[in-house]
Amino acid sequence: MDWEEKNNFLVKTFTFSNFINAFMFMTEVAALAEKMSHHPWWENSFHVVTIRLTTHDKGDRITEKDREMADRIDEIYTKIRK
């Protein structure tokens, strides 16, 4: 599933085989967010993580920074899912 544009957010839901993998994913995304100084909205329930990206300092709209972060999050997901 690709990222969906919804209400000025890029949104995607990620599903894992268990909570530990979901938490490892969130930990890596958190490190990326700090590195990029770009922090997502997210929700976690057991093995499912939903992430929403928007650029607050650009008027809460989707920017290239969000798209770059989405690509990098997809890379993390691919690595954790293996």
N, C-alpha and C. Protein backbone atom coordinates (compact mmCIF):
# COMPACT_ATOMS: atom_id res chain seq x y z
N MET A 1 0.84 -1.19 0.00
CA MET A 1 0.00 0.00 0.00
C MET A 1 0.88 1.24 0.00
N ASP A 2 0.55 2.17 -0.84
CA ASP A 2 1.28 3.43 -0.90
C ASP A 2 0.75 4.40 0.15
N TRP A 3 1.52 5.46 0.36
CA TRP A 3 1.08 6.53 1.25
C TRP A 3 -0.13 7.22 0.62
N GLU A 4 -1.10 7.53 1.44
CA GLU A 4 -2.32 8.20 0.99
C GLU A 4 -2.30 9.65 1.45
N GLU A 5 -2.69 10.56 0.58
CA GLU A 5 -2.83 11.97 0.96
C GLU A 5 -4.23 12.17 1.52
N LYS A 6 -4.28 12.61 2.79
CA LYS A 6 -5.57 12.73 3.47
C LYS A 6 -5.51 13.90 4.44
N ASN A 7 -6.33 14.92 4.22
CA ASN A 7 -6.43 16.08 5.12
C ASN A 7 -5.06 16.71 5.41
N ASN A 8 -4.29 16.94 4.38
CA ASN A 8 -2.96 17.56 4.48
C ASN A 8 -1.95 16.70 5.22
N PHE A 9 -2.15 15.39 5.24
CA PHE A 9 -1.20 14.44 5.79
C PHE A 9 -0.90 13.37 4.75
N LEU A 10 0.32 12.83 4.80
CA LEU A 10 0.61 11.55 4.16
C LEU A 10 0.33 10.51 5.23
N VAL A 11 -0.46 9.49 4.89
CA VAL A 11 -0.90 8.51 5.88
C VAL A 11 -0.63 7.10 5.36
N LYS A 12 -0.11 6.26 6.27
CA LYS A 12 0.09 4.86 5.91
C LYS A 12 0.02 4.01 7.18
N THR A 13 -0.56 2.81 7.03
CA THR A 13 -0.63 1.85 8.13
C THR A 13 0.30 0.69 7.82
N PHE A 14 1.09 0.32 8.82
CA PHE A 14 2.07 -0.75 8.71
C PHE A 14 1.66 -1.88 9.65
N THR A 15 1.69 -3.11 9.15
CA THR A 15 1.32 -4.27 9.95
C THR A 15 2.52 -5.19 10.10
N PHE A 16 2.70 -5.70 11.32
CA PHE A 16 3.83 -6.57 11.64
C PHE A 16 3.32 -7.89 12.18
N SER A 17 4.21 -8.85 12.32
CA SER A 17 3.81 -10.17 12.82
C SER A 17 3.59 -10.18 14.32
N ASN A 18 4.17 -9.19 15.03
CA ASN A 18 4.03 -9.15 16.47
C ASN A 18 4.35 -7.75 17.00
N PHE A 19 4.11 -7.54 18.28
CA PHE A 19 4.34 -6.25 18.91
C PHE A 19 5.82 -5.87 18.92
N ILE A 20 6.70 -6.83 19.15
CA ILE A 20 8.14 -6.55 19.21
C ILE A 20 8.62 -5.93 17.90
N ASN A 21 8.22 -6.49 16.78
CA ASN A 21 8.64 -5.93 15.48
C ASN A 21 8.05 -4.55 15.26
N ALA A 22 6.80 -4.36 15.68
CA ALA A 22 6.19 -3.03 15.56
C ALA A 22 6.96 -2.02 16.40
N PHE A 23 7.36 -2.42 17.59
CA PHE A 23 8.10 -1.53 18.47
C PHE A 23 9.50 -1.24 17.93
N MET A 24 10.17 -2.25 17.36
CA MET A 24 11.48 -2.03 16.74
C MET A 24 11.36 -1.02 15.59
N PHE A 25 10.32 -1.15 14.80
CA PHE A 25 10.05 -0.21 13.71
C PHE A 25 9.87 1.20 14.25
N MET A 26 9.06 1.35 15.29
CA MET A 26 8.82 2.67 15.87
C MET A 26 10.11 3.26 16.43
N THR A 27 10.95 2.43 17.02
CA THR A 27 12.22 2.91 17.57
C THR A 27 13.11 3.45 16.45
N GLU A 28 13.19 2.74 15.34
CA GLU A 28 14.01 3.22 14.22
C GLU A 28 13.42 4.47 13.58
N VAL A 29 12.10 4.53 13.47
CA VAL A 29 11.46 5.74 12.93
C VAL A 29 11.69 6.92 13.86
N ALA A 30 11.67 6.68 15.17
CA ALA A 30 11.93 7.75 16.13
C ALA A 30 13.34 8.31 15.96
N ALA A 31 14.32 7.44 15.75
CA ALA A 31 15.71 7.89 15.52
C ALA A 31 15.79 8.69 14.23
N LEU A 32 15.12 8.24 13.19
CA LEU A 32 15.08 8.98 11.92
C LEU A 32 14.44 10.34 12.12
N ALA A 33 13.35 10.39 12.86
CA ALA A 33 12.64 11.65 13.10
C ALA A 33 13.56 12.66 13.80
N GLU A 34 14.31 12.20 14.77
CA GLU A 34 15.25 13.08 15.46
C GLU A 34 16.33 13.58 14.51
N LYS A 35 16.85 12.67 13.70
CA LYS A 35 17.91 13.04 12.74
C LYS A 35 17.41 14.07 11.73
N MET A 36 16.18 13.89 11.27
CA MET A 36 15.61 14.79 10.27
C MET A 36 14.92 16.00 10.91
N SER A 37 14.80 16.00 12.23
CA SER A 37 14.04 17.03 12.95
C SER A 37 12.65 17.18 12.34
N HIS A 38 12.00 16.04 12.18
CA HIS A 38 10.69 15.98 11.54
C HIS A 38 9.91 14.85 12.21
N HIS A 39 8.99 15.20 13.07
CA HIS A 39 8.36 14.21 13.94
C HIS A 39 6.94 13.88 13.50
N PRO A 40 6.66 12.59 13.34
CA PRO A 40 5.34 12.16 12.84
C PRO A 40 4.29 12.11 13.94
N TRP A 41 3.05 12.11 13.50
CA TRP A 41 1.93 11.71 14.35
C TRP A 41 1.83 10.21 14.13
N TRP A 42 1.68 9.45 15.21
CA TRP A 42 1.51 8.01 15.01
C TRP A 42 0.67 7.37 16.09
N GLU A 43 0.17 6.19 15.74
CA GLU A 43 -0.63 5.39 16.65
C GLU A 43 -0.13 3.96 16.56
N ASN A 44 -0.16 3.28 17.69
CA ASN A 44 0.25 1.88 17.72
C ASN A 44 -0.77 1.08 18.52
N SER A 45 -1.19 -0.03 17.95
CA SER A 45 -2.04 -0.98 18.65
C SER A 45 -1.52 -2.38 18.33
N PHE A 46 -0.92 -3.00 19.31
CA PHE A 46 -0.33 -4.32 19.21
C PHE A 46 0.66 -4.41 18.05
N HIS A 47 0.26 -4.93 16.91
CA HIS A 47 1.19 -5.14 15.79
C HIS A 47 0.93 -4.19 14.61
N VAL A 48 0.15 -3.14 14.84
CA VAL A 48 -0.19 -2.20 13.78
C VAL A 48 0.27 -0.79 14.17
N VAL A 49 0.94 -0.12 13.22
CA VAL A 49 1.40 1.26 13.42
C VAL A 49 0.87 2.11 12.28
N THR A 50 0.18 3.19 12.61
CA THR A 50 -0.28 4.15 11.60
C THR A 50 0.51 5.44 11.78
N ILE A 51 1.06 5.94 10.67
CA ILE A 51 1.87 7.16 10.69
C ILE A 51 1.23 8.20 9.80
N ARG A 52 1.22 9.45 10.30
CA ARG A 52 0.75 10.60 9.53
C ARG A 52 1.88 11.63 9.51
N LEU A 53 2.19 12.11 8.32
CA LEU A 53 3.25 13.11 8.14
C LEU A 53 2.69 14.39 7.56
N THR A 54 3.12 15.51 8.11
CA THR A 54 2.82 16.83 7.57
C THR A 54 3.91 17.77 8.05
N THR A 55 4.09 18.89 7.38
CA THR A 55 5.12 19.84 7.78
C THR A 55 4.45 21.02 8.47
N HIS A 56 4.62 21.05 9.78
CA HIS A 56 3.95 22.06 10.60
C HIS A 56 4.42 23.49 10.29
N ASP A 57 5.73 23.66 10.11
CA ASP A 57 6.25 25.01 9.90
C ASP A 57 6.04 25.52 8.47
N LYS A 58 5.37 24.73 7.64
CA LYS A 58 5.00 25.16 6.29
C LYS A 58 3.48 25.20 6.15
N GLY A 59 2.81 25.47 7.28
CA GLY A 59 1.36 25.62 7.25
C GLY A 59 0.60 24.31 7.32
N ASP A 60 1.19 23.29 7.94
CA ASP A 60 0.53 21.99 8.07
C ASP A 60 0.10 21.46 6.71
N ARG A 61 1.08 21.36 5.83
CA ARG A 61 0.80 20.80 4.51
C ARG A 61 1.89 19.80 4.16
N ILE A 62 1.64 18.99 3.16
CA ILE A 62 2.59 17.98 2.71
C ILE A 62 3.68 18.66 1.88
N THR A 63 4.93 18.40 2.24
CA THR A 63 6.07 18.97 1.52
C THR A 63 7.02 17.85 1.10
N GLU A 64 8.06 18.24 0.41
CA GLU A 64 9.08 17.28 -0.02
C GLU A 64 9.73 16.60 1.19
N LYS A 65 9.82 17.30 2.29
CA LYS A 65 10.38 16.72 3.52
C LYS A 65 9.54 15.52 3.98
N ASP A 66 8.23 15.63 3.86
CA ASP A 66 7.34 14.52 4.22
C ASP A 66 7.54 13.34 3.27
N ARG A 67 7.66 13.64 1.99
CA ARG A 67 7.84 12.57 1.01
C ARG A 67 9.18 11.86 1.21
N GLU A 68 10.22 12.62 1.52
CA GLU A 68 11.53 12.01 1.79
C GLU A 68 11.44 11.12 3.03
N MET A 69 10.81 11.62 4.07
CA MET A 69 10.69 10.82 5.28
C MET A 69 9.85 9.57 5.02
N ALA A 70 8.79 9.68 4.25
CA ALA A 70 7.95 8.52 3.92
C ALA A 70 8.78 7.45 3.21
N ASP A 71 9.63 7.86 2.28
CA ASP A 71 10.48 6.90 1.57
C ASP A 71 11.42 6.20 2.54
N ARG A 72 11.98 6.94 3.45
CA ARG A 72 12.91 6.36 4.42
C ARG A 72 12.19 5.45 5.41
N ILE A 73 10.97 5.81 5.78
CA ILE A 73 10.17 4.94 6.65
C ILE A 73 9.85 3.63 5.93
N ASP A 74 9.54 3.70 4.64
CA ASP A 74 9.29 2.49 3.86
C ASP A 74 10.52 1.58 3.86
N GLU A 75 11.71 2.16 3.76
CA GLU A 75 12.95 1.38 3.80
C GLU A 75 13.11 0.67 5.15
N ILE A 76 12.80 1.37 6.23
CA ILE A 76 12.87 0.77 7.56
C ILE A 76 11.87 -0.39 7.66
N TYR A 77 10.68 -0.18 7.17
CA TYR A 77 9.64 -1.20 7.20
C TYR A 77 10.09 -2.45 6.44
N THR A 78 10.66 -2.26 5.27
CA THR A 78 11.13 -3.38 4.46
C THR A 78 12.19 -4.17 5.22
N LYS A 79 13.08 -3.47 5.89
CA LYS A 79 14.16 -4.12 6.64
C LYS A 79 13.60 -4.91 7.83
N ILE A 80 12.67 -4.33 8.57
CA ILE A 80 12.12 -4.98 9.77
C ILE A 80 11.26 -6.18 9.37
N ARG A 81 10.56 -6.06 8.26
CA ARG A 81 9.65 -7.13 7.81
C ARG A 81 10.39 -8.38 7.37
N LYS A 82 11.66 -8.28 7.01
CA LYS A 82 12.42 -9.44 6.52
C LYS A 82 12.66 -10.45 7.60
